[in-house]
């Protein structure tokens, strides 16, 4: 398997890990989740992972991607998306 494919898989594994952790915590607290919104969130996270891995050479000085950081990126991609949306949305 190529190193790029491994980074994609590790990043997507981090996305799935985040989703499973969120589902576990919701079940434990008795909270119902909106699965439509969760699927959208997972899609955004997966897209961020794919884009970061695709641009890994350009991002190397700021965010060097290896197996461990790819998993971290996948797990934290929702936070990255939230920050990007906050930056893009005009302040009221």
N, C-alpha and C. Protein backbone atom coordinates (compact mmCIF):
# COMPACT_ATOMS: atom_id res chain seq x y z
N UNK A 1 0.86 -1.19 0.00
CA UNK A 1 0.00 0.00 0.00
C UNK A 1 0.89 1.24 0.00
N UNK A 2 0.50 2.23 -0.74
CA UNK A 2 1.31 3.44 -0.85
C UNK A 2 1.21 4.27 0.43
N UNK A 3 2.24 5.07 0.71
CA UNK A 3 2.21 5.92 1.92
C UNK A 3 1.04 6.90 1.94
N UNK A 4 0.65 7.40 0.77
CA UNK A 4 -0.49 8.34 0.71
C UNK A 4 -1.78 7.62 1.11
N UNK A 5 -1.96 6.41 0.58
CA UNK A 5 -3.16 5.64 0.92
C UNK A 5 -3.21 5.34 2.41
N UNK A 6 -2.03 5.06 3.00
CA UNK A 6 -1.99 4.81 4.44
C UNK A 6 -2.42 6.05 5.23
N UNK A 7 -1.97 7.22 4.79
CA UNK A 7 -2.36 8.46 5.47
C UNK A 7 -3.86 8.70 5.34
N UNK A 8 -4.41 8.43 4.16
CA UNK A 8 -5.86 8.56 3.98
C UNK A 8 -6.60 7.64 4.95
N UNK A 9 -6.18 6.38 5.00
CA UNK A 9 -6.84 5.41 5.87
C UNK A 9 -6.71 5.78 7.35
N UNK A 10 -5.54 6.22 7.76
CA UNK A 10 -5.35 6.62 9.16
C UNK A 10 -6.20 7.84 9.50
N UNK A 11 -6.27 8.80 8.59
CA UNK A 11 -7.09 9.99 8.81
C UNK A 11 -8.57 9.65 8.90
N UNK A 12 -9.03 8.79 7.98
CA UNK A 12 -10.44 8.38 8.00
C UNK A 12 -10.72 7.51 9.22
N UNK A 13 -9.73 6.75 9.66
CA UNK A 13 -9.87 6.01 10.92
C UNK A 13 -10.07 6.95 12.09
N UNK A 14 -9.37 8.07 12.10
CA UNK A 14 -9.56 9.07 13.14
C UNK A 14 -10.95 9.68 13.12
N UNK A 15 -11.49 9.89 11.91
CA UNK A 15 -12.85 10.40 11.78
C UNK A 15 -13.84 9.41 12.38
N UNK A 16 -13.67 8.13 12.06
CA UNK A 16 -14.56 7.09 12.58
C UNK A 16 -14.40 6.97 14.10
N UNK A 17 -13.17 7.07 14.58
CA UNK A 17 -12.93 7.03 16.03
C UNK A 17 -13.67 8.16 16.73
N UNK A 18 -13.64 9.35 16.15
CA UNK A 18 -14.34 10.49 16.73
C UNK A 18 -15.85 10.26 16.75
N UNK A 19 -16.39 9.73 15.65
CA UNK A 19 -17.82 9.45 15.58
C UNK A 19 -18.23 8.41 16.62
N UNK A 20 -17.46 7.34 16.73
CA UNK A 20 -17.79 6.29 17.70
C UNK A 20 -17.69 6.80 19.13
N UNK A 21 -16.71 7.64 19.41
CA UNK A 21 -16.59 8.23 20.74
C UNK A 21 -17.80 9.12 21.04
N UNK A 22 -18.22 9.90 20.05
CA UNK A 22 -19.39 10.77 20.22
C UNK A 22 -20.65 9.94 20.45
N UNK A 23 -20.83 8.86 19.70
CA UNK A 23 -21.98 7.99 19.87
C UNK A 23 -21.96 7.31 21.24
N UNK A 24 -20.80 6.87 21.68
CA UNK A 24 -20.67 6.24 22.99
C UNK A 24 -21.05 7.21 24.11
N UNK A 25 -20.51 8.42 24.04
CA UNK A 25 -20.81 9.41 25.08
C UNK A 25 -22.28 9.80 25.08
N UNK A 26 -22.89 9.91 23.90
CA UNK A 26 -24.31 10.23 23.83
C UNK A 26 -25.16 9.11 24.41
N UNK A 27 -24.81 7.87 24.10
CA UNK A 27 -25.55 6.72 24.63
C UNK A 27 -25.41 6.65 26.15
N UNK A 28 -24.22 6.92 26.63
CA UNK A 28 -23.95 6.87 28.07
C UNK A 28 -24.75 7.93 28.82
N UNK A 29 -24.91 9.11 28.20
CA UNK A 29 -25.64 10.21 28.83
C UNK A 29 -27.12 10.19 28.50
N UNK A 30 -27.55 9.29 27.62
CA UNK A 30 -28.95 9.21 27.24
C UNK A 30 -29.41 10.30 26.30
N UNK A 31 -28.49 10.85 25.53
CA UNK A 31 -28.78 11.93 24.58
C UNK A 31 -29.03 11.32 23.21
N UNK A 32 -30.06 11.81 22.52
CA UNK A 32 -30.31 11.37 21.14
C UNK A 32 -29.57 12.29 20.18
N UNK A 33 -28.92 11.69 19.21
CA UNK A 33 -28.19 12.46 18.20
C UNK A 33 -29.00 12.49 16.90
N UNK A 34 -28.85 13.56 16.17
CA UNK A 34 -29.45 13.69 14.85
C UNK A 34 -28.48 13.06 13.85
N UNK A 35 -28.83 11.86 13.36
CA UNK A 35 -27.90 11.14 12.50
C UNK A 35 -27.68 11.83 11.16
N UNK A 36 -28.65 12.60 10.70
CA UNK A 36 -28.45 13.37 9.46
C UNK A 36 -27.33 14.38 9.63
N UNK A 37 -27.36 15.10 10.74
CA UNK A 37 -26.30 16.08 11.01
C UNK A 37 -24.96 15.39 11.27
N UNK A 38 -25.01 14.24 11.92
CA UNK A 38 -23.76 13.51 12.18
C UNK A 38 -23.13 13.03 10.87
N UNK A 39 -23.95 12.58 9.93
CA UNK A 39 -23.41 12.15 8.64
C UNK A 39 -22.80 13.32 7.87
N UNK A 40 -23.45 14.47 7.94
CA UNK A 40 -22.89 15.67 7.30
C UNK A 40 -21.55 16.02 7.95
N UNK A 41 -21.50 15.96 9.26
CA UNK A 41 -20.28 16.26 10.00
C UNK A 41 -19.16 15.29 9.64
N UNK A 42 -19.49 14.00 9.55
CA UNK A 42 -18.49 13.01 9.17
C UNK A 42 -18.02 13.26 7.73
N UNK A 43 -18.93 13.62 6.85
CA UNK A 43 -18.54 13.94 5.47
C UNK A 43 -17.59 15.11 5.39
N UNK A 44 -17.88 16.16 6.16
CA UNK A 44 -16.99 17.33 6.19
C UNK A 44 -15.63 16.95 6.73
N UNK A 45 -15.62 16.17 7.82
CA UNK A 45 -14.35 15.74 8.42
C UNK A 45 -13.54 14.90 7.43
N UNK A 46 -14.21 13.98 6.74
CA UNK A 46 -13.50 13.13 5.77
C UNK A 46 -12.93 13.98 4.63
N UNK A 47 -13.69 14.98 4.19
CA UNK A 47 -13.21 15.86 3.13
C UNK A 47 -11.99 16.66 3.59
N UNK A 48 -12.01 17.14 4.82
CA UNK A 48 -10.85 17.87 5.35
C UNK A 48 -9.63 16.97 5.39
N UNK A 49 -9.81 15.73 5.84
CA UNK A 49 -8.69 14.79 5.88
C UNK A 49 -8.14 14.57 4.47
N UNK A 50 -9.02 14.33 3.52
CA UNK A 50 -8.57 14.09 2.14
C UNK A 50 -7.81 15.29 1.58
N UNK A 51 -8.33 16.49 1.86
CA UNK A 51 -7.67 17.69 1.35
C UNK A 51 -6.31 17.91 2.01
N UNK A 52 -6.22 17.68 3.32
CA UNK A 52 -4.94 17.85 4.01
C UNK A 52 -3.91 16.85 3.51
N UNK A 53 -4.33 15.60 3.31
CA UNK A 53 -3.39 14.59 2.81
C UNK A 53 -2.98 14.93 1.37
N UNK A 54 -3.92 15.38 0.56
CA UNK A 54 -3.59 15.76 -0.81
C UNK A 54 -2.57 16.91 -0.84
N UNK A 55 -2.70 17.85 0.09
CA UNK A 55 -1.81 19.02 0.12
C UNK A 55 -0.68 18.85 1.14
N UNK A 56 -0.33 17.62 1.46
CA UNK A 56 0.65 17.39 2.54
C UNK A 56 2.01 18.01 2.27
N UNK A 57 2.44 18.05 1.01
CA UNK A 57 3.73 18.66 0.71
C UNK A 57 3.70 20.17 0.96
N UNK A 58 2.60 20.81 0.64
CA UNK A 58 2.47 22.25 0.87
C UNK A 58 2.35 22.57 2.36
N UNK A 59 1.77 21.65 3.12
CA UNK A 59 1.54 21.88 4.55
C UNK A 59 2.70 21.42 5.44
N UNK A 60 3.70 20.79 4.84
CA UNK A 60 4.79 20.20 5.62
C UNK A 60 5.42 21.16 6.63
N UNK A 61 5.67 22.44 6.29
CA UNK A 61 6.27 23.33 7.29
C UNK A 61 5.35 23.62 8.49
N UNK A 62 4.04 23.53 8.27
CA UNK A 62 3.08 23.87 9.32
C UNK A 62 2.52 22.65 10.03
N UNK A 63 2.26 21.59 9.28
CA UNK A 63 1.61 20.40 9.81
C UNK A 63 2.19 19.17 9.12
N UNK A 64 3.30 18.63 9.63
CA UNK A 64 3.89 17.46 8.98
C UNK A 64 2.98 16.24 9.18
N UNK A 65 2.59 15.62 8.09
CA UNK A 65 1.69 14.46 8.16
C UNK A 65 2.47 13.17 8.22
N UNK A 66 2.21 12.41 9.26
CA UNK A 66 2.68 11.03 9.37
C UNK A 66 1.52 10.21 9.91
N UNK A 67 1.75 8.96 10.23
CA UNK A 67 0.65 8.09 10.66
C UNK A 67 -0.07 8.67 11.87
N UNK A 68 0.69 9.09 12.87
CA UNK A 68 0.10 9.61 14.10
C UNK A 68 -0.67 10.91 13.88
N UNK A 69 -0.07 11.86 13.17
CA UNK A 69 -0.75 13.14 12.96
C UNK A 69 -1.95 12.99 12.03
N UNK A 70 -1.94 11.98 11.15
CA UNK A 70 -3.11 11.74 10.30
C UNK A 70 -4.29 11.27 11.15
N UNK A 71 -4.04 10.42 12.13
CA UNK A 71 -5.11 9.98 13.04
C UNK A 71 -5.62 11.17 13.84
N UNK A 72 -4.70 11.99 14.35
CA UNK A 72 -5.11 13.19 15.10
C UNK A 72 -5.91 14.14 14.23
N UNK A 73 -5.51 14.29 12.99
CA UNK A 73 -6.25 15.16 12.07
C UNK A 73 -7.66 14.63 11.86
N UNK A 74 -7.79 13.35 11.65
CA UNK A 74 -9.12 12.77 11.48
C UNK A 74 -9.99 12.95 12.71
N UNK A 75 -9.41 12.77 13.89
CA UNK A 75 -10.16 12.90 15.12
C UNK A 75 -10.58 14.35 15.37
N UNK A 76 -9.72 15.28 15.01
CA UNK A 76 -9.99 16.69 15.31
C UNK A 76 -10.52 17.48 14.11
N UNK A 77 -10.83 16.83 13.01
CA UNK A 77 -11.24 17.53 11.80
C UNK A 77 -12.52 18.34 12.01
N UNK A 78 -13.41 17.90 12.88
CA UNK A 78 -14.63 18.68 13.14
C UNK A 78 -14.28 20.01 13.79
N UNK A 79 -13.29 20.02 14.66
CA UNK A 79 -12.87 21.28 15.26
C UNK A 79 -12.26 22.20 14.21
N UNK A 80 -11.50 21.62 13.29
CA UNK A 80 -10.91 22.40 12.20
C UNK A 80 -12.03 23.00 11.35
N UNK A 81 -13.05 22.19 11.04
CA UNK A 81 -14.17 22.67 10.22
C UNK A 81 -14.90 23.80 10.94
N UNK A 82 -15.12 23.64 12.23
CA UNK A 82 -15.82 24.68 13.00
C UNK A 82 -15.06 26.01 12.95
N UNK A 83 -13.74 25.94 13.10
CA UNK A 83 -12.93 27.16 13.06
C UNK A 83 -12.95 27.79 11.67
N UNK A 84 -12.91 26.96 10.63
CA UNK A 84 -12.96 27.50 9.27
C UNK A 84 -14.30 28.19 9.02
N UNK A 85 -15.39 27.59 9.50
CA UNK A 85 -16.71 28.21 9.32
C UNK A 85 -16.82 29.52 10.09
N UNK A 86 -16.25 29.56 11.29
CA UNK A 86 -16.29 30.79 12.08
C UNK A 86 -15.52 31.90 11.38
N UNK A 87 -14.39 31.54 10.77
CA UNK A 87 -13.57 32.54 10.08
C UNK A 87 -14.30 33.03 8.83
N UNK A 88 -15.03 32.16 8.15
CA UNK A 88 -15.68 32.52 6.90
C UNK A 88 -16.99 33.28 7.11
N UNK A 89 -17.65 33.06 8.23
CA UNK A 89 -18.95 33.70 8.45
C UNK A 89 -18.75 35.14 8.94
N UNK A 90 -19.50 36.06 8.42
CA UNK A 90 -19.38 37.45 8.87
C UNK A 90 -19.91 37.60 10.30
N UNK A 91 -19.28 38.48 11.05
CA UNK A 91 -19.73 38.74 12.42
C UNK A 91 -20.98 39.58 12.39
N UNK A 92 -21.88 39.29 13.30
CA UNK A 92 -23.13 40.03 13.38
C UNK A 92 -23.02 41.15 14.38
